[in-house]
């Protein structure tokens, strides 16, 4: 049984910053591939960023240079630092943990970028 709990979402003005956190249960966190996804109203869920066990990262083109994914294996937590936010970043952000063949999802946290 694995549970993921996201936090840190909220309302922010364009150009502002937010830091999302995903706290995970389980004793094998350091071996999981972690990722952040988002889903805007009327849109499909899309990949934002992933990070593997060793720290190698991958980003969607739309967030490169603005978002940073990181992990603290000692705290069983993955983070998404979001800078220079724009209204198009408005979405529900979901944390995902993967260790084949299993995938786990958090409940999501709302991020709204508006003036």
C-alpha atoms as a PDB file:
ATOM      1  CA  UNK A   1       0.000   0.000   0.000  1.00  0.00           C
ATOM      2  CA  UNK A   2       1.456   3.328  -1.167  1.00  0.00           C
ATOM      3  CA  UNK A   3      -0.069   6.740  -0.534  1.00  0.00           C
ATOM      4  CA  UNK A   4       0.956  10.070  -2.061  1.00  0.00           C
ATOM      5  CA  UNK A   5      -0.150  13.395  -0.597  1.00  0.00           C
ATOM      6  CA  UNK A   6       0.429  16.648  -2.508  1.00  0.00           C
ATOM      7  CA  UNK A   7       0.559  20.081  -0.905  1.00  0.00           C
ATOM      8  CA  UNK A   8       1.642  23.628  -1.702  1.00  0.00           C
ATOM      9  CA  UNK A   9      -0.892  24.630  -4.330  1.00  0.00           C
ATOM     10  CA  UNK A  10      -2.785  27.891  -4.277  1.00  0.00           C
ATOM     11  CA  UNK A  11      -3.466  31.181  -6.021  1.00  0.00           C
ATOM     12  CA  UNK A  12      -0.496  33.147  -7.321  1.00  0.00           C
ATOM     13  CA  UNK A  13      -0.040  36.146  -9.604  1.00  0.00           C
ATOM     14  CA  UNK A  14       1.671  35.839 -12.995  1.00  0.00           C
ATOM     15  CA  UNK A  15       5.424  35.910 -12.523  1.00  0.00           C
ATOM     16  CA  UNK A  16       5.162  34.466  -9.042  1.00  0.00           C
ATOM     17  CA  UNK A  17       6.420  31.186  -7.608  1.00  0.00           C
ATOM     18  CA  UNK A  18       5.064  28.136  -5.824  1.00  0.00           C
ATOM     19  CA  UNK A  19       6.706  25.026  -4.419  1.00  0.00           C
ATOM     20  CA  UNK A  20       4.718  21.799  -4.511  1.00  0.00           C
ATOM     21  CA  UNK A  21       5.520  18.861  -2.249  1.00  0.00           C
ATOM     22  CA  UNK A  22       4.557  15.209  -2.506  1.00  0.00           C
ATOM     23  CA  UNK A  23       4.992  13.113   0.617  1.00  0.00           C
ATOM     24  CA  UNK A  24       5.048   9.368   0.019  1.00  0.00           C
ATOM     25  CA  UNK A  25       4.574   6.367   2.233  1.00  0.00           C
ATOM     26  CA  UNK A  26       6.516   3.158   1.731  1.00  0.00           C
ATOM     27  CA  UNK A  27       9.989   1.825   2.416  1.00  0.00           C
ATOM     28  CA  UNK A  28      11.207   1.699  -1.205  1.00  0.00           C
ATOM     29  CA  UNK A  29      10.837   5.389  -2.127  1.00  0.00           C
ATOM     30  CA  UNK A  30      14.470   5.712  -3.204  1.00  0.00           C
ATOM     31  CA  UNK A  31      13.912   3.145  -5.964  1.00  0.00           C
ATOM     32  CA  UNK A  32      10.820   4.798  -7.446  1.00  0.00           C
ATOM     33  CA  UNK A  33      10.629   6.972 -10.525  1.00  0.00           C
ATOM     34  CA  UNK A  34       8.725  10.085  -9.450  1.00  0.00           C
ATOM     35  CA  UNK A  35       6.832  12.514 -11.623  1.00  0.00           C
ATOM     36  CA  UNK A  36       4.538  15.511 -11.708  1.00  0.00           C
ATOM     37  CA  UNK A  37       1.598  15.714 -14.093  1.00  0.00           C
ATOM     38  CA  UNK A  38      -1.061  18.363 -14.560  1.00  0.00           C
ATOM     39  CA  UNK A  39      -4.567  18.601 -15.954  1.00  0.00           C
ATOM     40  CA  UNK A  40      -6.192  21.877 -16.935  1.00  0.00           C
ATOM     41  CA  UNK A  41      -9.977  22.267 -17.349  1.00  0.00           C
ATOM     42  CA  UNK A  42     -11.107  20.598 -20.562  1.00  0.00           C
ATOM     43  CA  UNK A  43      -7.612  19.259 -21.271  1.00  0.00           C
ATOM     44  CA  UNK A  44      -5.906  15.880 -21.058  1.00  0.00           C
ATOM     45  CA  UNK A  45      -3.478  15.107 -18.277  1.00  0.00           C
ATOM     46  CA  UNK A  46       0.081  15.872 -19.368  1.00  0.00           C
ATOM     47  CA  UNK A  47       3.583  15.175 -18.123  1.00  0.00           C
ATOM     48  CA  UNK A  48       5.333  18.083 -16.409  1.00  0.00           C
ATOM     49  CA  UNK A  49       8.554  16.545 -15.078  1.00  0.00           C
ATOM     50  CA  UNK A  50      10.099  13.262 -13.951  1.00  0.00           C
ATOM     51  CA  UNK A  51      13.068  12.323 -11.806  1.00  0.00           C
ATOM     52  CA  UNK A  52      14.700   8.906 -11.548  1.00  0.00           C
ATOM     53  CA  UNK A  53      16.319   7.346  -8.502  1.00  0.00           C
ATOM     54  CA  UNK A  54      19.759   8.758  -9.302  1.00  0.00           C
ATOM     55  CA  UNK A  55      18.464  12.289  -9.859  1.00  0.00           C
ATOM     56  CA  UNK A  56      18.331  12.540 -13.665  1.00  0.00           C
ATOM     57  CA  UNK A  57      15.428  14.779 -14.670  1.00  0.00           C
ATOM     58  CA  UNK A  58      13.188  15.324 -17.670  1.00  0.00           C
ATOM     59  CA  UNK A  59      10.851  18.256 -18.385  1.00  0.00           C
ATOM     60  CA  UNK A  60       8.071  19.163 -20.746  1.00  0.00           C
ATOM     61  CA  UNK A  61       9.163  21.846 -23.211  1.00  0.00           C
ATOM     62  CA  UNK A  62       6.522  24.214 -21.860  1.00  0.00           C
ATOM     63  CA  UNK A  63       8.144  24.351 -18.404  1.00  0.00           C
ATOM     64  CA  UNK A  64      11.868  24.033 -19.165  1.00  0.00           C
ATOM     65  CA  UNK A  65      13.843  26.808 -17.517  1.00  0.00           C
ATOM     66  CA  UNK A  66      10.981  27.673 -15.163  1.00  0.00           C
ATOM     67  CA  UNK A  67      10.245  24.486 -13.176  1.00  0.00           C
ATOM     68  CA  UNK A  68      12.635  22.281 -11.208  1.00  0.00           C
ATOM     69  CA  UNK A  69      11.877  18.797  -9.899  1.00  0.00           C
ATOM     70  CA  UNK A  70      13.900  17.399  -7.011  1.00  0.00           C
ATOM     71  CA  UNK A  71      13.691  14.648  -4.419  1.00  0.00           C
ATOM     72  CA  UNK A  72      14.786  14.048  -0.856  1.00  0.00           C
ATOM     73  CA  UNK A  73      14.944  10.295  -0.390  1.00  0.00           C
ATOM     74  CA  UNK A  74      15.576  10.622   3.347  1.00  0.00           C
ATOM     75  CA  UNK A  75      12.221  12.414   3.681  1.00  0.00           C
ATOM     76  CA  UNK A  76      10.324  10.322   1.106  1.00  0.00           C
ATOM     77  CA  UNK A  77       9.383  13.564  -0.630  1.00  0.00           C
ATOM     78  CA  UNK A  78       9.494  14.944  -4.167  1.00  0.00           C
ATOM     79  CA  UNK A  79       9.240  18.663  -4.933  1.00  0.00           C
ATOM     80  CA  UNK A  80       8.300  20.855  -7.860  1.00  0.00           C
ATOM     81  CA  UNK A  81       9.651  24.398  -7.712  1.00  0.00           C
ATOM     82  CA  UNK A  82       7.635  26.563 -10.112  1.00  0.00           C
ATOM     83  CA  UNK A  83       8.976  29.996 -11.055  1.00  0.00           C
ATOM     84  CA  UNK A  84       7.858  32.638 -13.545  1.00  0.00           C
ATOM     85  CA  UNK A  85       4.346  31.252 -13.504  1.00  0.00           C
ATOM     86  CA  UNK A  86       1.945  32.118 -16.318  1.00  0.00           C
ATOM     87  CA  UNK A  87      -1.849  31.698 -16.538  1.00  0.00           C
ATOM     88  CA  UNK A  88      -1.388  28.665 -18.808  1.00  0.00           C
ATOM     89  CA  UNK A  89       0.150  26.841 -15.832  1.00  0.00           C
ATOM     90  CA  UNK A  90      -3.258  26.807 -14.122  1.00  0.00           C
ATOM     91  CA  UNK A  91      -4.189  23.163 -13.507  1.00  0.00           C
ATOM     92  CA  UNK A  92      -4.542  20.436 -10.944  1.00  0.00           C
ATOM     93  CA  UNK A  93      -1.068  19.026 -10.338  1.00  0.00           C
ATOM     94  CA  UNK A  94      -0.703  15.324  -9.576  1.00  0.00           C
ATOM     95  CA  UNK A  95       2.191  13.403  -8.076  1.00  0.00           C
ATOM     96  CA  UNK A  96       2.996   9.975  -9.541  1.00  0.00           C
ATOM     97  CA  UNK A  97       5.201   7.178  -8.249  1.00  0.00           C
ATOM     98  CA  UNK A  98       6.259   4.322 -10.523  1.00  0.00           C
ATOM     99  CA  UNK A  99       8.016   1.047  -9.880  1.00  0.00           C
ATOM    100  CA  UNK A 100       7.139  -1.448 -12.595  1.00  0.00           C
ATOM    101  CA  UNK A 101       4.595  -2.876 -12.861  1.00  0.00           C
ATOM    102  CA  UNK A 102       2.829  -0.568 -10.388  1.00  0.00           C
ATOM    103  CA  UNK A 103       1.885   3.107 -10.638  1.00  0.00           C
ATOM    104  CA  UNK A 104       0.430   5.251  -7.858  1.00  0.00           C
ATOM    105  CA  UNK A 105      -1.245   8.664  -8.033  1.00  0.00           C
ATOM    106  CA  UNK A 106      -1.915  11.367  -5.491  1.00  0.00           C
ATOM    107  CA  UNK A 107      -5.209  13.245  -5.175  1.00  0.00           C
ATOM    108  CA  UNK A 108      -3.863  16.424  -6.754  1.00  0.00           C
ATOM    109  CA  UNK A 109      -3.404  20.029  -5.677  1.00  0.00           C
ATOM    110  CA  UNK A 110      -4.880  23.071  -7.429  1.00  0.00           C
ATOM    111  CA  UNK A 111      -2.575  25.730  -8.866  1.00  0.00           C
ATOM    112  CA  UNK A 112      -4.210  28.913 -10.145  1.00  0.00           C
ATOM    113  CA  UNK A 113      -2.191  31.670 -11.822  1.00  0.00           C
ATOM    114  CA  UNK A 114      -4.241  34.834 -12.153  1.00  0.00           C
ATOM    115  CA  UNK A 115      -4.008  38.564 -11.583  1.00  0.00           C
END
